[in-house]
Protein backbone atom coordinates (compact mmCIF):
# COMPACT_ATOMS: atom_id res chain seq x y z
CA MET A 1 -147.25 -127.45 108.56
CA ALA A 2 -143.82 -125.85 108.14
CA LYS A 3 -141.79 -125.15 111.23
CA ARG A 4 -140.88 -121.56 111.94
CA LYS A 5 -137.28 -120.65 112.27
CA PRO A 6 -136.52 -119.41 115.77
CA THR A 7 -136.03 -115.66 115.91
CA ARG A 8 -132.80 -114.44 117.35
CA SER A 9 -132.78 -111.63 119.83
CA VAL A 10 -130.07 -109.11 119.08
CA ASN A 11 -128.92 -106.70 121.73
CA LYS A 12 -128.61 -103.44 119.81
CA THR A 13 -126.98 -100.23 120.91
CA THR A 14 -129.44 -97.39 120.45
CA LEU A 15 -128.25 -93.89 119.67
CA LEU A 16 -130.09 -90.61 119.34
CA VAL A 17 -128.34 -87.90 117.38
CA MET A 18 -130.19 -84.58 117.35
CA GLY A 19 -129.35 -81.79 114.98
CA GLU A 20 -130.08 -78.21 115.78
CA GLY A 21 -132.19 -77.89 112.64
CA GLU A 22 -133.10 -79.49 109.32
CA HIS A 23 -129.71 -78.74 107.72
CA ASP A 24 -127.93 -80.55 110.56
CA LYS A 25 -130.23 -83.57 110.22
CA ALA A 26 -129.63 -83.68 106.45
CA PHE A 27 -125.86 -83.63 106.90
CA LEU A 28 -126.07 -86.23 109.68
CA SER A 29 -128.20 -88.42 107.38
CA HIS A 30 -125.53 -88.09 104.71
CA MET A 31 -122.82 -89.13 107.19
CA LYS A 32 -124.94 -92.00 108.50
CA GLY A 33 -125.27 -93.27 104.93
CA LEU A 34 -121.48 -93.26 104.58
CA TYR A 35 -120.48 -94.71 107.96
CA HIS A 36 -123.28 -96.77 109.48
CA GLN A 37 -123.34 -100.48 108.71
CA ARG A 38 -126.88 -101.85 108.77
CA ARG A 39 -125.90 -105.05 110.57
CA SER A 40 -123.58 -103.34 113.00
CA GLY A 41 -125.58 -103.99 116.12
CA SER A 42 -126.52 -100.35 116.54
CA LYS A 43 -129.71 -98.47 115.77
CA ILE A 44 -129.24 -94.77 115.10
CA THR A 45 -132.15 -92.37 115.28
CA LEU A 46 -131.61 -88.95 113.72
CA ASP A 47 -133.89 -86.08 114.60
CA PHE A 48 -133.75 -82.32 114.77
CA SER A 49 -134.95 -79.54 116.95
CA SER A 50 -136.58 -76.53 115.40
CA GLY A 51 -133.65 -74.31 116.24
CA GLY A 52 -133.93 -71.56 118.80
CA SER A 53 -131.62 -71.02 121.73
CA PRO A 54 -129.31 -73.70 123.11
CA HIS A 55 -131.73 -73.92 126.06
CA ASP A 56 -134.62 -74.72 123.69
CA ILE A 57 -132.62 -77.34 121.79
CA ILE A 58 -131.47 -79.13 124.95
CA LYS A 59 -134.98 -78.99 126.42
CA ASP A 60 -136.42 -80.43 123.17
CA THR A 61 -133.83 -83.24 123.15
CA VAL A 62 -134.57 -84.12 126.77
CA LYS A 63 -138.29 -84.21 125.96
CA LYS A 64 -137.85 -86.33 122.80
CA SER A 65 -135.60 -88.83 124.58
CA ARG A 66 -137.45 -89.03 127.89
CA HIS A 67 -139.57 -92.09 127.04
CA VAL A 68 -137.00 -94.04 125.03
CA ASP A 69 -134.09 -95.79 126.68
CA TYR A 70 -131.29 -94.70 124.34
CA ASP A 71 -127.83 -95.98 125.20
CA GLN A 72 -126.30 -92.71 124.04
CA LYS A 73 -127.72 -89.28 123.19
CA PHE A 74 -125.99 -86.49 121.31
CA ILE A 75 -126.80 -83.01 120.06
CA LEU A 76 -124.95 -81.41 117.16
CA MET A 77 -125.19 -77.74 118.12
CA ASP A 78 -123.91 -74.50 116.65
CA SER A 79 -121.24 -72.72 118.66
CA ASP A 80 -122.14 -69.12 117.76
CA VAL A 81 -124.43 -68.73 120.81
CA PRO A 82 -122.92 -69.55 124.21
CA VAL A 83 -124.57 -72.35 126.16
CA LYS A 84 -125.44 -71.40 129.74
CA GLN A 85 -124.00 -73.53 132.52
CA GLN A 86 -127.49 -74.51 133.71
CA ASP A 87 -128.27 -75.86 130.21
CA ILE A 88 -125.01 -77.81 130.10
CA LYS A 89 -125.99 -79.27 133.49
CA ALA A 90 -129.47 -80.18 132.17
CA ALA A 91 -127.84 -82.00 129.24
CA ASP A 92 -125.40 -83.77 131.57
CA ASP A 93 -128.21 -84.77 133.94
CA SER A 94 -129.99 -86.41 131.00
CA ASP A 95 -126.77 -88.10 129.76
CA ILE A 96 -126.74 -85.98 126.59
CA THR A 97 -123.39 -85.19 125.00
CA ILE A 98 -123.14 -81.90 123.11
CA LEU A 99 -120.99 -81.84 120.00
CA TYR A 100 -120.28 -78.33 118.75
CA SER A 101 -120.21 -77.24 115.12
CA THR A 102 -117.17 -75.00 115.09
CA PRO A 103 -116.44 -72.42 113.95
CA LEU A 104 -119.84 -70.77 114.41
CA CYS A 105 -122.27 -73.28 112.89
CA LEU A 106 -122.72 -76.37 110.73
CA GLU A 107 -121.90 -74.44 107.57
CA GLY A 108 -118.79 -72.88 109.16
CA MET A 109 -117.62 -76.36 110.18
CA LEU A 110 -118.24 -77.71 106.69
CA LEU A 111 -116.41 -74.79 105.06
CA ASP A 112 -113.53 -75.58 107.43
CA VAL A 113 -113.56 -79.23 106.29
CA LEU A 114 -113.26 -77.94 102.71
CA ASP A 115 -110.36 -75.66 103.75
CA GLN A 116 -112.32 -72.59 102.67
CA LYS A 117 -112.28 -69.18 104.32
CA ILE A 118 -114.76 -68.97 107.18
CA PRO A 119 -116.93 -65.83 107.16
CA ASN A 120 -117.46 -64.04 110.48
CA THR A 121 -121.20 -64.75 110.94
CA ALA A 122 -123.36 -67.87 110.73
CA GLN A 123 -125.56 -66.25 108.07
CA LYS A 124 -122.54 -65.49 105.88
CA CYS A 125 -121.35 -69.09 106.34
CA LYS A 126 -124.74 -70.31 105.07
CA SER A 127 -124.60 -67.87 102.13
CA THR A 128 -121.15 -69.17 101.22
CA LEU A 129 -121.80 -72.92 101.55
CA HIS A 130 -125.38 -73.36 100.33
CA PRO A 131 -124.73 -72.33 96.68
CA GLN A 132 -121.97 -74.98 96.53
CA LEU A 133 -124.34 -77.80 97.53
CA ALA A 134 -125.94 -80.01 94.89
CA ASP A 135 -129.50 -79.18 96.04
CA SER A 136 -131.39 -77.81 99.04
CA PRO A 137 -129.44 -77.93 102.33
CA VAL A 138 -132.35 -79.85 103.93
CA LEU A 139 -131.67 -82.87 101.67
CA ALA A 140 -128.98 -85.41 102.55
CA LYS A 141 -128.13 -85.91 98.87
CA SER A 142 -127.07 -82.26 98.65
CA TYR A 143 -123.90 -83.01 100.62
CA GLU A 144 -122.79 -86.05 98.57
CA LEU A 145 -120.58 -84.30 95.99
CA LEU A 146 -118.61 -82.05 98.36
CA PHE A 147 -118.47 -84.28 101.43
CA THR A 148 -117.39 -87.64 100.11
CA LYS A 149 -116.13 -90.33 102.44
CA PRO A 150 -112.46 -89.59 101.53
CA VAL A 151 -112.96 -85.88 102.33
CA LEU A 152 -114.61 -86.66 105.68
CA ASP A 153 -112.04 -89.38 106.48
CA LYS A 154 -109.18 -86.97 105.82
CA THR A 155 -110.36 -84.09 107.98
CA ALA A 156 -108.88 -83.56 111.41
CA HIS A 157 -111.91 -81.55 112.55
CA THR A 158 -112.72 -82.81 116.06
CA THR A 159 -116.51 -82.87 115.68
CA ILE A 160 -116.42 -84.66 112.31
CA LYS A 161 -114.02 -87.22 113.79
CA ALA A 162 -116.40 -87.76 116.73
CA LEU A 163 -119.36 -88.15 114.35
CA ARG A 164 -117.45 -90.64 112.18
CA LYS A 165 -116.71 -92.76 115.26
CA LEU A 166 -120.23 -92.42 116.62
CA LEU A 167 -121.98 -93.31 113.36
CA SER A 168 -119.73 -96.29 112.71
CA SER A 169 -119.85 -97.71 116.24
CA THR A 170 -120.79 -101.35 116.22
CA SER A 171 -122.08 -102.79 119.46
CA LYS A 172 -122.70 -102.35 123.15
CA LYS A 173 -119.60 -102.09 125.24
């Protein structure tokens, strides 16, 4: 009988990154594909809330992360609706870091990365960006042509820089 090779226990860093909606999750999936190394020592779970108010999104993230011991938890949230102090406290109490899509929303942030004019409402940002995508904004592949690794590496946008670092992090500190 052949001997089994001993299995090695690897101490992985676990991350939860929640998007506000399906578009956010698709873009985060695209970025994860560019920056996350499979053998990096980290496990990244991407999920999304079904939109709503910042209160609803934070509450949903707390609920989804309550029974899993994630090392770090993040929400990518639009900035067009102010977050109440009590909701910021609820996120802090659950060790959730909020990253804001600025200006306005995910699409506004992505237009900013492309150095395009930012419309004054989230809906107009969506109407401007979505026709430029390769396919539906709920598919990660839709972001591949416009948001290549060199484009994302070059941007000085604070949230994109934070996401690059987060998605390429390697091990427990």
